[in-house]
């Protein structure tokens, strides 16, 4: 039987393990909880289990002592057994599972920590691994606030959530040099997304970008993963002959965060880079076709979202033959949000002497 949650406020752990392997947006949403726990336990050793492809976002984070990469693909049974054995060998006294799936539950149990916290509604039987369970209220609370709630159970102050992204001076200098010749306001366009139903058409992005150039003199930058190349090529064709700095497939996660911080606006589909941009301090416009921003949208006052109003929204389907949302949520609906964000940034920018 789970033990009383009140016990958690009495502990002073020395070795803490956070388990949140994926995905990019979810990892970003967990950053404020990490910082709250670090403030609560300044002398504890805090480790984070994360997918190997995302470790670059956490390496060097000032609130972390160790990043434990989990290589999900190609590890096999032997690799998994070695990984789990490594977790147990670290002798954690507290493990917090913020993923709530079978594999994270197995990791939680493998740590052997005497205190193992997880959500009551964790899926795939993960809750069997926990010594303490809490109500995550997944149906009506934003993901950032859910993770902060878990930190608050230990007595952490979660009243002022803060995102800390582990960019260093080299990342920031690279971003400054890369964007040095791009005029302001700088508009970053992220056209990619894993789900087909999240991919707002490149032609729509191009139309919004054309208006930003025409009405505000914006400089344009395209970003994305290597697999987004066809989308960025279509964006370039739709914009021609307007200049576009093409950085698709050319940034690390930390460089992408530094670029966002040096931009005036980041316009993106519902995907991980959108949340990374918010965490880096950028103004953003999130475009939501088949999903809803209510529980997992960009977090904070600098974020604006535009959502489809078609009959099936938000359907959360990954493939669709109709894609009515792409027509209904056209450039005319997104442009006012983009213009307002551009003008808000201008109003706050220092004026030249």
C-alpha atoms as a PDB file:
ATOM      1  CA  UNK A   1       0.000   0.000   0.000  1.00  0.00           C
ATOM      2  CA  UNK A   2       1.232   3.551  -0.756  1.00  0.00           C
ATOM      3  CA  UNK A   3       2.570   5.430   2.234  1.00  0.00           C
ATOM      4  CA  UNK A   4       1.269   8.825   3.456  1.00  0.00           C
ATOM      5  CA  UNK A   5       2.377  11.808   1.373  1.00  0.00           C
ATOM      6  CA  UNK A   6       2.944  13.815   4.550  1.00  0.00           C
ATOM      7  CA  UNK A   7       6.152  11.822   5.060  1.00  0.00           C
ATOM      8  CA  UNK A   8       7.723  13.552   2.059  1.00  0.00           C
ATOM      9  CA  UNK A   9       8.019  16.898   3.840  1.00  0.00           C
ATOM     10  CA  UNK A  10      10.220  15.377   6.519  1.00  0.00           C
ATOM     11  CA  UNK A  11      12.971  13.979   4.292  1.00  0.00           C
ATOM     12  CA  UNK A  12      16.361  15.450   3.352  1.00  0.00           C
ATOM     13  CA  UNK A  13      17.579  13.231   0.502  1.00  0.00           C
ATOM     14  CA  UNK A  14      21.236  13.076  -0.448  1.00  0.00           C
ATOM     15  CA  UNK A  15      20.868  11.390  -3.840  1.00  0.00           C
ATOM     16  CA  UNK A  16      17.817  12.211  -5.969  1.00  0.00           C
ATOM     17  CA  UNK A  17      16.829  10.662  -9.298  1.00  0.00           C
ATOM     18  CA  UNK A  18      14.365  12.361 -11.651  1.00  0.00           C
ATOM     19  CA  UNK A  19      12.962  10.105 -14.366  1.00  0.00           C
ATOM     20  CA  UNK A  20      11.624  11.980 -17.376  1.00  0.00           C
ATOM     21  CA  UNK A  21      13.129  10.430 -20.516  1.00  0.00           C
ATOM     22  CA  UNK A  22      11.032  12.149 -23.202  1.00  0.00           C
ATOM     23  CA  UNK A  23       9.813  13.963 -25.211  1.00  0.00           C
ATOM     24  CA  UNK A  24      11.489  17.329 -25.824  1.00  0.00           C
ATOM     25  CA  UNK A  25       8.467  19.411 -24.840  1.00  0.00           C
ATOM     26  CA  UNK A  26       7.837  17.274 -21.758  1.00  0.00           C
ATOM     27  CA  UNK A  27      11.455  17.572 -20.664  1.00  0.00           C
ATOM     28  CA  UNK A  28      11.266  21.364 -21.043  1.00  0.00           C
ATOM     29  CA  UNK A  29       8.030  21.416 -19.025  1.00  0.00           C
ATOM     30  CA  UNK A  30       9.861  19.650 -16.188  1.00  0.00           C
ATOM     31  CA  UNK A  31      12.645  22.237 -15.857  1.00  0.00           C
ATOM     32  CA  UNK A  32      10.811  24.472 -13.338  1.00  0.00           C
ATOM     33  CA  UNK A  33      10.259  21.471 -11.049  1.00  0.00           C
ATOM     34  CA  UNK A  34      13.980  20.694 -11.196  1.00  0.00           C
ATOM     35  CA  UNK A  35      14.884  24.251 -10.193  1.00  0.00           C
ATOM     36  CA  UNK A  36      12.343  24.201  -7.355  1.00  0.00           C
ATOM     37  CA  UNK A  37      13.833  20.982  -5.987  1.00  0.00           C
ATOM     38  CA  UNK A  38      17.361  22.346  -6.267  1.00  0.00           C
ATOM     39  CA  UNK A  39      16.344  25.395  -4.249  1.00  0.00           C
ATOM     40  CA  UNK A  40      14.811  23.100  -1.626  1.00  0.00           C
ATOM     41  CA  UNK A  41      17.825  20.756  -1.459  1.00  0.00           C
ATOM     42  CA  UNK A  42      20.912  22.813  -2.371  1.00  0.00           C
ATOM     43  CA  UNK A  43      23.376  20.139  -1.207  1.00  0.00           C
ATOM     44  CA  UNK A  44      21.694  17.073  -2.687  1.00  0.00           C
ATOM     45  CA  UNK A  45      23.085  15.249  -5.705  1.00  0.00           C
ATOM     46  CA  UNK A  46      20.358  15.389  -8.364  1.00  0.00           C
ATOM     47  CA  UNK A  47      20.448  13.114 -11.421  1.00  0.00           C
ATOM     48  CA  UNK A  48      18.070  13.004 -14.399  1.00  0.00           C
ATOM     49  CA  UNK A  49      17.324   9.993 -16.590  1.00  0.00           C
ATOM     50  CA  UNK A  50      16.656  11.221 -20.139  1.00  0.00           C
ATOM     51  CA  UNK A  51      16.705   9.782 -23.642  1.00  0.00           C
ATOM     52  CA  UNK A  52      20.182   9.993 -25.111  1.00  0.00           C
ATOM     53  CA  UNK A  53      18.974  12.161 -27.993  1.00  0.00           C
ATOM     54  CA  UNK A  54      17.906  14.850 -25.510  1.00  0.00           C
ATOM     55  CA  UNK A  55      20.853  14.841 -23.131  1.00  0.00           C
ATOM     56  CA  UNK A  56      22.379  17.871 -24.852  1.00  0.00           C
ATOM     57  CA  UNK A  57      19.577  19.981 -23.421  1.00  0.00           C
ATOM     58  CA  UNK A  58      20.498  18.986 -19.856  1.00  0.00           C
ATOM     59  CA  UNK A  59      24.291  18.645 -19.978  1.00  0.00           C
ATOM     60  CA  UNK A  60      25.780  21.500 -17.989  1.00  0.00           C
ATOM     61  CA  UNK A  61      22.492  22.511 -16.389  1.00  0.00           C
ATOM     62  CA  UNK A  62      23.344  24.449 -13.200  1.00  0.00           C
ATOM     63  CA  UNK A  63      20.688  22.642 -11.145  1.00  0.00           C
ATOM     64  CA  UNK A  64      21.815  19.138 -12.154  1.00  0.00           C
ATOM     65  CA  UNK A  65      24.747  17.073 -10.964  1.00  0.00           C
ATOM     66  CA  UNK A  66      24.396  14.199 -13.414  1.00  0.00           C
ATOM     67  CA  UNK A  67      22.640  13.363 -16.665  1.00  0.00           C
ATOM     68  CA  UNK A  68      21.955   9.647 -17.112  1.00  0.00           C
ATOM     69  CA  UNK A  69      21.308   8.967 -20.815  1.00  0.00           C
ATOM     70  CA  UNK A  70      18.957   6.152 -21.712  1.00  0.00           C
ATOM     71  CA  UNK A  71      19.571   4.754 -25.188  1.00  0.00           C
ATOM     72  CA  UNK A  72      16.194   3.319 -26.048  1.00  0.00           C
ATOM     73  CA  UNK A  73      17.028   2.049 -29.505  1.00  0.00           C
ATOM     74  CA  UNK A  74      19.432  -0.790 -30.129  1.00  0.00           C
ATOM     75  CA  UNK A  75      20.217  -1.479 -26.475  1.00  0.00           C
ATOM     76  CA  UNK A  76      18.550  -4.901 -26.357  1.00  0.00           C
ATOM     77  CA  UNK A  77      17.921  -6.909 -23.218  1.00  0.00           C
ATOM     78  CA  UNK A  78      21.564  -6.973 -22.180  1.00  0.00           C
ATOM     79  CA  UNK A  79      21.893  -3.218 -22.582  1.00  0.00           C
ATOM     80  CA  UNK A  80      18.706  -2.588 -20.622  1.00  0.00           C
ATOM     81  CA  UNK A  81      19.844  -4.899 -17.811  1.00  0.00           C
ATOM     82  CA  UNK A  82      23.175  -3.079 -17.639  1.00  0.00           C
ATOM     83  CA  UNK A  83      21.397   0.284 -17.555  1.00  0.00           C
ATOM     84  CA  UNK A  84      19.067  -0.787 -14.753  1.00  0.00           C
ATOM     85  CA  UNK A  85      21.977  -2.222 -12.792  1.00  0.00           C
ATOM     86  CA  UNK A  86      23.736   1.125 -13.130  1.00  0.00           C
ATOM     87  CA  UNK A  87      20.728   2.878 -11.648  1.00  0.00           C
ATOM     88  CA  UNK A  88      20.705   0.601  -8.626  1.00  0.00           C
ATOM     89  CA  UNK A  89      24.431   1.050  -8.166  1.00  0.00           C
ATOM     90  CA  UNK A  90      24.006   4.790  -7.634  1.00  0.00           C
ATOM     91  CA  UNK A  91      22.131   4.093  -4.388  1.00  0.00           C
ATOM     92  CA  UNK A  92      19.493   6.799  -4.695  1.00  0.00           C
ATOM     93  CA  UNK A  93      17.413   7.524  -1.612  1.00  0.00           C
ATOM     94  CA  UNK A  94      14.645   9.285  -3.589  1.00  0.00           C
ATOM     95  CA  UNK A  95      13.301   8.655  -7.091  1.00  0.00           C
ATOM     96  CA  UNK A  96      10.592  10.761  -8.726  1.00  0.00           C
ATOM     97  CA  UNK A  97       8.939   9.301 -11.815  1.00  0.00           C
ATOM     98  CA  UNK A  98       7.413  12.127 -13.858  1.00  0.00           C
ATOM     99  CA  UNK A  99       6.839   9.995 -16.973  1.00  0.00           C
ATOM    100  CA  UNK A 100       4.372   7.461 -15.597  1.00  0.00           C
ATOM    101  CA  UNK A 101       4.776   4.656 -18.136  1.00  0.00           C
ATOM    102  CA  UNK A 102       5.907   1.036 -17.905  1.00  0.00           C
ATOM    103  CA  UNK A 103       9.541   1.698 -18.754  1.00  0.00           C
ATOM    104  CA  UNK A 104       9.842   4.617 -16.320  1.00  0.00           C
ATOM    105  CA  UNK A 105       8.149   2.510 -13.649  1.00  0.00           C
ATOM    106  CA  UNK A 106      10.703  -0.247 -14.233  1.00  0.00           C
ATOM    107  CA  UNK A 107      13.494   2.326 -13.934  1.00  0.00           C
ATOM    108  CA  UNK A 108      11.958   3.659 -10.729  1.00  0.00           C
ATOM    109  CA  UNK A 109      11.824   0.197  -9.187  1.00  0.00           C
ATOM    110  CA  UNK A 110      15.363  -0.563 -10.381  1.00  0.00           C
ATOM    111  CA  UNK A 111      16.822   2.389  -8.482  1.00  0.00           C
ATOM    112  CA  UNK A 112      15.960   0.629  -5.240  1.00  0.00           C
ATOM    113  CA  UNK A 113      15.334   3.992  -3.597  1.00  0.00           C
ATOM    114  CA  UNK A 114      13.352   3.653  -0.359  1.00  0.00           C
ATOM    115  CA  UNK A 115      11.137   6.581  -1.431  1.00  0.00           C
ATOM    116  CA  UNK A 116       9.693   6.401  -4.953  1.00  0.00           C
ATOM    117  CA  UNK A 117       7.068   8.974  -5.951  1.00  0.00           C
ATOM    118  CA  UNK A 118       4.772   8.782  -8.960  1.00  0.00           C
ATOM    119  CA  UNK A 119       1.314   9.713 -10.176  1.00  0.00           C
ATOM    120  CA  UNK A 120      -1.712   7.737  -9.048  1.00  0.00           C
ATOM    121  CA  UNK A 121      -2.951   7.530 -12.643  1.00  0.00           C
ATOM    122  CA  UNK A 122       0.363   6.400 -14.148  1.00  0.00           C
ATOM    123  CA  UNK A 123      -0.265   4.055 -17.057  1.00  0.00           C
ATOM    124  CA  UNK A 124       0.815   0.538 -17.957  1.00  0.00           C
ATOM    125  CA  UNK A 125       1.100  -0.512 -14.307  1.00  0.00           C
ATOM    126  CA  UNK A 126       3.884   1.933 -13.469  1.00  0.00           C
ATOM    127  CA  UNK A 127       2.232   2.881 -10.172  1.00  0.00           C
ATOM    128  CA  UNK A 128       3.119  -0.552  -8.779  1.00  0.00           C
ATOM    129  CA  UNK A 129       6.712   0.700  -8.520  1.00  0.00           C
ATOM    130  CA  UNK A 130       5.909   3.623  -6.218  1.00  0.00           C
ATOM    131  CA  UNK A 131       6.075   3.886  -2.447  1.00  0.00           C
ATOM    132  CA  UNK A 132       4.092   7.148  -2.563  1.00  0.00           C
ATOM    133  CA  UNK A 133       1.467   8.204  -5.109  1.00  0.00           C
ATOM    134  CA  UNK A 134      -0.119  11.598  -5.733  1.00  0.00           C
ATOM    135  CA  UNK A 135      -3.050  12.885  -7.745  1.00  0.00           C
ATOM    136  CA  UNK A 136      -1.587  14.452 -10.885  1.00  0.00           C
ATOM    137  CA  UNK A 137      -4.953  15.908 -12.030  1.00  0.00           C
ATOM    138  CA  UNK A 138      -3.980  15.316 -15.634  1.00  0.00           C
ATOM    139  CA  UNK A 139      -7.394  16.277 -16.991  1.00  0.00           C
ATOM    140  CA  UNK A 140      -7.416  19.896 -15.852  1.00  0.00           C
ATOM    141  CA  UNK A 141      -3.899  21.055 -14.960  1.00  0.00           C
ATOM    142  CA  UNK A 142      -1.126  22.188 -17.305  1.00  0.00           C
ATOM    143  CA  UNK A 143       1.850  19.837 -17.484  1.00  0.00           C
ATOM    144  CA  UNK A 144       4.228  22.397 -15.948  1.00  0.00           C
ATOM    145  CA  UNK A 145       1.915  22.810 -12.956  1.00  0.00           C
ATOM    146  CA  UNK A 146       1.558  19.026 -12.581  1.00  0.00           C
ATOM    147  CA  UNK A 147       5.305  18.600 -12.287  1.00  0.00           C
ATOM    148  CA  UNK A 148       5.554  21.565  -9.935  1.00  0.00           C
ATOM    149  CA  UNK A 149       2.853  19.992  -7.791  1.00  0.00           C
ATOM    150  CA  UNK A 150       5.037  16.907  -7.388  1.00  0.00           C
ATOM    151  CA  UNK A 151       7.890  19.151  -6.190  1.00  0.00           C
ATOM    152  CA  UNK A 152       5.577  20.958  -3.785  1.00  0.00           C
ATOM    153  CA  UNK A 153       4.815  17.694  -1.993  1.00  0.00           C
ATOM    154  CA  UNK A 154       8.347  17.853  -0.571  1.00  0.00           C
ATOM    155  CA  UNK A 155       7.879  21.465   0.539  1.00  0.00           C
ATOM    156  CA  UNK A 156       9.414  23.170  -2.516  1.00  0.00           C
ATOM    157  CA  UNK A 157       8.329  26.737  -3.259  1.00  0.00           C
ATOM    158  CA  UNK A 158       6.556  26.592  -6.635  1.00  0.00           C
ATOM    159  CA  UNK A 159       4.942  30.028  -6.519  1.00  0.00           C
ATOM    160  CA  UNK A 160       7.332  31.537  -9.089  1.00  0.00           C
ATOM    161  CA  UNK A 161       8.079  28.942 -11.789  1.00  0.00           C
ATOM    162  CA  UNK A 162      11.304  29.572 -13.662  1.00  0.00           C
ATOM    163  CA  UNK A 163      12.815  27.935 -16.706  1.00  0.00           C
ATOM    164  CA  UNK A 164      16.582  27.523 -16.793  1.00  0.00           C
ATOM    165  CA  UNK A 165      18.042  26.391 -20.124  1.00  0.00           C
ATOM    166  CA  UNK A 166      21.673  25.279 -20.071  1.00  0.00           C
ATOM    167  CA  UNK A 167      23.015  27.470 -22.863  1.00  0.00           C
ATOM    168  CA  UNK A 168      26.567  28.678 -22.385  1.00  0.00           C
ATOM    169  CA  UNK A 169      28.467  31.661 -23.754  1.00  0.00           C
ATOM    170  CA  UNK A 170      29.622  29.655 -26.786  1.00  0.00           C
ATOM    171  CA  UNK A 171      26.006  28.912 -27.720  1.00  0.00           C
ATOM    172  CA  UNK A 172      24.988  32.533 -27.236  1.00  0.00           C
ATOM    173  CA  UNK A 173      27.965  33.861 -29.216  1.00  0.00           C
ATOM    174  CA  UNK A 174      27.193  31.429 -32.035  1.00  0.00           C
ATOM    175  CA  UNK A 175      23.603  32.687 -32.137  1.00  0.00           C
ATOM    176  CA  UNK A 176      24.671  36.340 -32.134  1.00  0.00           C
ATOM    177  CA  UNK A 177      27.127  35.790 -34.958  1.00  0.00           C
ATOM    178  CA  UNK A 178      24.698  33.680 -36.978  1.00  0.00           C
ATOM    179  CA  UNK A 179      21.959  36.309 -36.765  1.00  0.00           C
ATOM    180  CA  UNK A 180      24.198  39.369 -36.990  1.00  0.00           C
ATOM    181  CA  UNK A 181      23.102  40.223 -40.522  1.00  0.00           C
ATOM    182  CA  UNK A 182      19.433  39.344 -40.094  1.00  0.00           C
ATOM    183  CA  UNK A 183      17.355  42.530 -39.696  1.00  0.00           C
ATOM    184  CA  UNK A 184      14.992  43.044 -36.782  1.00  0.00           C
ATOM    185  CA  UNK A 185      12.392  42.115 -35.943  1.00  0.00           C
ATOM    186  CA  UNK A 186      13.729  38.576 -36.355  1.00  0.00           C
ATOM    187  CA  UNK A 187      11.048  35.991 -37.054  1.00  0.00           C
ATOM    188  CA  UNK A 188      11.946  32.302 -36.622  1.00  0.00           C
ATOM    189  CA  UNK A 189       9.726  29.790 -38.417  1.00  0.00           C
ATOM    190  CA  UNK A 190       9.513  26.165 -37.286  1.00  0.00           C
ATOM    191  CA  UNK A 191       7.475  24.276 -39.888  1.00  0.00           C
ATOM    192  CA  UNK A 192       8.089  20.716 -38.702  1.00  0.00           C
ATOM    193  CA  UNK A 193       6.259  18.304 -36.413  1.00  0.00           C
ATOM    194  CA  UNK A 194       6.275  14.531 -36.087  1.00  0.00           C
ATOM    195  CA  UNK A 195       2.540  14.209 -36.634  1.00  0.00           C
ATOM    196  CA  UNK A 196       1.227  14.970 -40.109  1.00  0.00           C
ATOM    197  CA  UNK A 197      -1.829  16.542 -38.504  1.00  0.00           C
ATOM    198  CA  UNK A 198       0.308  19.078 -36.622  1.00  0.00           C
ATOM    199  CA  UNK A 199       2.081  20.379 -39.723  1.00  0.00           C
ATOM    200  CA  UNK A 200       0.582  23.706 -40.683  1.00  0.00           C
ATOM    201  CA  UNK A 201       1.267  24.001 -44.442  1.00  0.00           C
ATOM    202  CA  UNK A 202       4.531  25.689 -45.515  1.00  0.00           C
ATOM    203  CA  UNK A 203       2.477  27.916 -47.813  1.00  0.00           C
ATOM    204  CA  UNK A 204       0.608  29.274 -44.779  1.00  0.00           C
ATOM    205  CA  UNK A 205       3.901  29.962 -43.001  1.00  0.00           C
ATOM    206  CA  UNK A 206       5.172  31.702 -46.135  1.00  0.00           C
ATOM    207  CA  UNK A 207       2.134  33.967 -46.340  1.00  0.00           C
ATOM    208  CA  UNK A 208       2.450  35.042 -42.704  1.00  0.00           C
ATOM    209  CA  UNK A 209       6.180  35.612 -43.184  1.00  0.00           C
ATOM    210  CA  UNK A 210       5.575  37.717 -46.319  1.00  0.00           C
ATOM    211  CA  UNK A 211       3.240  39.954 -44.348  1.00  0.00           C
ATOM    212  CA  UNK A 212       5.808  40.309 -41.560  1.00  0.00           C
ATOM    213  CA  UNK A 213       8.408  41.411 -44.096  1.00  0.00           C
ATOM    214  CA  UNK A 214       6.019  43.774 -45.901  1.00  0.00           C
ATOM    215  CA  UNK A 215       4.462  45.409 -42.847  1.00  0.00           C
ATOM    216  CA  UNK A 216       7.275  45.260 -40.281  1.00  0.00           C
ATOM    217  CA  UNK A 217      10.488  44.698 -42.259  1.00  0.00           C
ATOM    218  CA  UNK A 218      11.127  41.374 -40.540  1.00  0.00           C
ATOM    219  CA  UNK A 219      14.158  39.205 -41.111  1.00  0.00           C
ATOM    220  CA  UNK A 220      13.313  35.516 -41.556  1.00  0.00           C
ATOM    221  CA  UNK A 221      14.983  32.380 -40.177  1.00  0.00           C
ATOM    222  CA  UNK A 222      13.918  28.772 -40.724  1.00  0.00           C
ATOM    223  CA  UNK A 223      14.788  26.041 -38.222  1.00  0.00           C
ATOM    224  CA  UNK A 224      13.990  22.364 -37.953  1.00  0.00           C
ATOM    225  CA  UNK A 225      15.328  18.848 -37.676  1.00  0.00           C
ATOM    226  CA  UNK A 226      17.080  17.246 -40.670  1.00  0.00           C
ATOM    227  CA  UNK A 227      13.848  15.405 -41.489  1.00  0.00           C
ATOM    228  CA  UNK A 228      12.054  18.727 -41.922  1.00  0.00           C
ATOM    229  CA  UNK A 229      14.085  19.533 -45.033  1.00  0.00           C
ATOM    230  CA  UNK A 230      11.181  19.097 -47.529  1.00  0.00           C
ATOM    231  CA  UNK A 231       9.021  21.455 -45.455  1.00  0.00           C
ATOM    232  CA  UNK A 232      11.722  24.124 -45.282  1.00  0.00           C
ATOM    233  CA  UNK A 233      12.400  23.787 -49.015  1.00  0.00           C
ATOM    234  CA  UNK A 234       8.698  24.344 -49.678  1.00  0.00           C
ATOM    235  CA  UNK A 235       8.792  27.384 -47.382  1.00  0.00           C
ATOM    236  CA  UNK A 236      11.718  28.833 -49.325  1.00  0.00           C
ATOM    237  CA  UNK A 237       9.928  28.310 -52.617  1.00  0.00           C
ATOM    238  CA  UNK A 238       6.831  30.009 -51.246  1.00  0.00           C
ATOM    239  CA  UNK A 239       8.852  32.994 -50.060  1.00  0.00           C
ATOM    240  CA  UNK A 240      11.075  33.538 -53.087  1.00  0.00           C
ATOM    241  CA  UNK A 241      12.657  35.994 -53.710  1.00  0.00           C
ATOM    242  CA  UNK A 242      12.433  37.110 -50.057  1.00  0.00           C
ATOM    243  CA  UNK A 243      15.667  36.179 -48.203  1.00  0.00           C
ATOM    244  CA  UNK A 244      15.476  33.356 -45.657  1.00  0.00           C
ATOM    245  CA  UNK A 245      18.294  32.211 -43.380  1.00  0.00           C
ATOM    246  CA  UNK A 246      18.018  28.423 -43.584  1.00  0.00           C
ATOM    247  CA  UNK A 247      19.257  26.707 -40.412  1.00  0.00           C
ATOM    248  CA  UNK A 248      17.270  23.501 -40.832  1.00  0.00           C
ATOM    249  CA  UNK A 249      19.284  20.586 -39.443  1.00  0.00           C
ATOM    250  CA  UNK A 250      22.151  22.875 -38.447  1.00  0.00           C
ATOM    251  CA  UNK A 251      21.540  23.500 -34.741  1.00  0.00           C
ATOM    252  CA  UNK A 252      21.921  21.627 -31.508  1.00  0.00           C
ATOM    253  CA  UNK A 253      19.107  21.953 -28.980  1.00  0.00           C
ATOM    254  CA  UNK A 254      21.112  24.481 -26.986  1.00  0.00           C
ATOM    255  CA  UNK A 255      21.930  26.482 -30.107  1.00  0.00           C
ATOM    256  CA  UNK A 256      18.252  26.464 -31.009  1.00  0.00           C
ATOM    257  CA  UNK A 257      17.443  27.872 -27.575  1.00  0.00           C
ATOM    258  CA  UNK A 258      20.100  30.552 -28.017  1.00  0.00           C
ATOM    259  CA  UNK A 259      18.667  31.461 -31.429  1.00  0.00           C
ATOM    260  CA  UNK A 260      15.199  31.778 -29.933  1.00  0.00           C
ATOM    261  CA  UNK A 261      16.540  34.074 -27.216  1.00  0.00           C
ATOM    262  CA  UNK A 262      18.096  36.298 -29.903  1.00  0.00           C
ATOM    263  CA  UNK A 263      14.897  36.426 -31.948  1.00  0.00           C
ATOM    264  CA  UNK A 264      11.889  38.708 -31.661  1.00  0.00           C
ATOM    265  CA  UNK A 265       9.296  36.013 -32.356  1.00  0.00           C
ATOM    266  CA  UNK A 266       9.224  32.237 -32.763  1.00  0.00           C
ATOM    267  CA  UNK A 267       6.287  30.869 -34.785  1.00  0.00           C
ATOM    268  CA  UNK A 268       5.838  27.125 -34.577  1.00  0.00           C
ATOM    269  CA  UNK A 269       3.574  24.133 -34.797  1.00  0.00           C
ATOM    270  CA  UNK A 270       2.753  22.185 -31.629  1.00  0.00           C
ATOM    271  CA  UNK A 271       6.130  20.536 -31.166  1.00  0.00           C
ATOM    272  CA  UNK A 272       9.118  20.461 -28.824  1.00  0.00           C
ATOM    273  CA  UNK A 273      11.036  23.470 -30.203  1.00  0.00           C
ATOM    274  CA  UNK A 274       8.025  25.674 -29.442  1.00  0.00           C
ATOM    275  CA  UNK A 275       8.367  24.898 -25.731  1.00  0.00           C
ATOM    276  CA  UNK A 276      12.140  25.226 -25.841  1.00  0.00           C
ATOM    277  CA  UNK A 277      11.749  28.708 -27.322  1.00  0.00           C
ATOM    278  CA  UNK A 278       9.409  29.732 -24.500  1.00  0.00           C
ATOM    279  CA  UNK A 279      11.851  28.392 -21.914  1.00  0.00           C
ATOM    280  CA  UNK A 280      14.629  30.422 -23.537  1.00  0.00           C
ATOM    281  CA  UNK A 281      12.589  33.588 -23.034  1.00  0.00           C
ATOM    282  CA  UNK A 282      11.339  34.121 -26.577  1.00  0.00           C
ATOM    283  CA  UNK A 283       7.964  35.441 -27.599  1.00  0.00           C
ATOM    284  CA  UNK A 284       6.084  32.711 -29.419  1.00  0.00           C
ATOM    285  CA  UNK A 285       2.979  32.041 -31.465  1.00  0.00           C
ATOM    286  CA  UNK A 286       1.921  28.394 -31.299  1.00  0.00           C
ATOM    287  CA  UNK A 287      -0.250  26.998 -34.074  1.00  0.00           C
ATOM    288  CA  UNK A 288      -2.613  24.242 -32.927  1.00  0.00           C
ATOM    289  CA  UNK A 289      -4.420  22.292 -35.636  1.00  0.00           C
ATOM    290  CA  UNK A 290      -5.397  18.911 -34.166  1.00  0.00           C
ATOM    291  CA  UNK A 291      -4.325  19.392 -30.534  1.00  0.00           C
ATOM    292  CA  UNK A 292      -5.216  21.749 -27.691  1.00  0.00           C
ATOM    293  CA  UNK A 293      -2.865  24.141 -25.873  1.00  0.00           C
ATOM    294  CA  UNK A 294      -4.869  23.970 -22.645  1.00  0.00           C
ATOM    295  CA  UNK A 295      -2.856  21.239 -20.909  1.00  0.00           C
ATOM    296  CA  UNK A 296       0.407  21.115 -22.851  1.00  0.00           C
ATOM    297  CA  UNK A 297       0.613  24.441 -24.660  1.00  0.00           C
ATOM    298  CA  UNK A 298       3.445  26.981 -24.379  1.00  0.00           C
ATOM    299  CA  UNK A 299       3.646  28.190 -20.788  1.00  0.00           C
ATOM    300  CA  UNK A 300       3.863  31.772 -19.610  1.00  0.00           C
ATOM    301  CA  UNK A 301       2.896  35.345 -20.479  1.00  0.00           C
ATOM    302  CA  UNK A 302       5.068  35.626 -23.607  1.00  0.00           C
ATOM    303  CA  UNK A 303       3.197  32.842 -25.377  1.00  0.00           C
ATOM    304  CA  UNK A 304       0.141  33.154 -27.626  1.00  0.00           C
ATOM    305  CA  UNK A 305      -1.652  30.294 -29.351  1.00  0.00           C
ATOM    306  CA  UNK A 306      -4.085  30.076 -32.252  1.00  0.00           C
ATOM    307  CA  UNK A 307      -6.278  26.985 -32.369  1.00  0.00           C
ATOM    308  CA  UNK A 308      -8.369  25.338 -35.053  1.00  0.00           C
ATOM    309  CA  UNK A 309     -12.150  25.579 -34.646  1.00  0.00           C
ATOM    310  CA  UNK A 310     -13.176  22.761 -36.982  1.00  0.00           C
ATOM    311  CA  UNK A 311     -15.814  20.298 -35.844  1.00  0.00           C
ATOM    312  CA  UNK A 312     -13.296  17.581 -34.889  1.00  0.00           C
ATOM    313  CA  UNK A 313     -10.795  19.747 -33.028  1.00  0.00           C
ATOM    314  CA  UNK A 314      -8.937  18.798 -30.952  1.00  0.00           C
ATOM    315  CA  UNK A 315      -8.957  15.250 -32.304  1.00  0.00           C
ATOM    316  CA  UNK A 316      -5.367  14.258 -31.386  1.00  0.00           C
ATOM    317  CA  UNK A 317      -5.211  11.960 -34.407  1.00  0.00           C
ATOM    318  CA  UNK A 318      -1.830  11.547 -36.069  1.00  0.00           C
ATOM    319  CA  UNK A 319      -3.081  10.978 -39.601  1.00  0.00           C
ATOM    320  CA  UNK A 320      -6.156  12.330 -41.361  1.00  0.00           C
ATOM    321  CA  UNK A 321      -7.515  12.181 -44.902  1.00  0.00           C
ATOM    322  CA  UNK A 322      -9.482  15.445 -44.666  1.00  0.00           C
ATOM    323  CA  UNK A 323      -7.251  17.918 -42.819  1.00  0.00           C
ATOM    324  CA  UNK A 324     -10.085  20.457 -42.716  1.00  0.00           C
ATOM    325  CA  UNK A 325      -8.217  22.248 -39.939  1.00  0.00           C
ATOM    326  CA  UNK A 326      -5.474  23.351 -42.332  1.00  0.00           C
ATOM    327  CA  UNK A 327      -7.963  25.308 -44.423  1.00  0.00           C
ATOM    328  CA  UNK A 328      -9.993  26.677 -41.522  1.00  0.00           C
ATOM    329  CA  UNK A 329      -6.871  27.796 -39.630  1.00  0.00           C
ATOM    330  CA  UNK A 330      -5.451  29.901 -42.436  1.00  0.00           C
ATOM    331  CA  UNK A 331      -2.940  32.770 -42.493  1.00  0.00           C
ATOM    332  CA  UNK A 332      -5.692  35.330 -41.933  1.00  0.00           C
ATOM    333  CA  UNK A 333      -6.359  33.826 -38.494  1.00  0.00           C
ATOM    334  CA  UNK A 334      -2.713  33.486 -37.469  1.00  0.00           C
ATOM    335  CA  UNK A 335      -1.437  36.828 -38.765  1.00  0.00           C
ATOM    336  CA  UNK A 336      -3.136  39.023 -36.102  1.00  0.00           C
ATOM    337  CA  UNK A 337      -1.428  37.016 -33.348  1.00  0.00           C
ATOM    338  CA  UNK A 338       1.942  37.308 -35.094  1.00  0.00           C
ATOM    339  CA  UNK A 339       1.516  41.050 -35.634  1.00  0.00           C
ATOM    340  CA  UNK A 340       0.489  41.615 -32.012  1.00  0.00           C
ATOM    341  CA  UNK A 341       3.510  39.709 -30.730  1.00  0.00           C
ATOM    342  CA  UNK A 342       5.878  41.581 -33.056  1.00  0.00           C
ATOM    343  CA  UNK A 343       4.476  44.913 -31.945  1.00  0.00           C
ATOM    344  CA  UNK A 344       4.589  43.928 -28.264  1.00  0.00           C
ATOM    345  CA  UNK A 345       8.258  43.138 -28.642  1.00  0.00           C
ATOM    346  CA  UNK A 346       8.887  46.495 -30.327  1.00  0.00           C
ATOM    347  CA  UNK A 347       7.084  48.354 -27.547  1.00  0.00           C
ATOM    348  CA  UNK A 348       9.390  46.772 -24.943  1.00  0.00           C
ATOM    349  CA  UNK A 349      12.619  47.138 -26.925  1.00  0.00           C
ATOM    350  CA  UNK A 350      15.001  49.957 -25.894  1.00  0.00           C
ATOM    351  CA  UNK A 351      14.951  52.949 -28.247  1.00  0.00           C
ATOM    352  CA  UNK A 352      18.132  54.267 -29.815  1.00  0.00           C
ATOM    353  CA  UNK A 353      19.548  57.463 -28.316  1.00  0.00           C
END
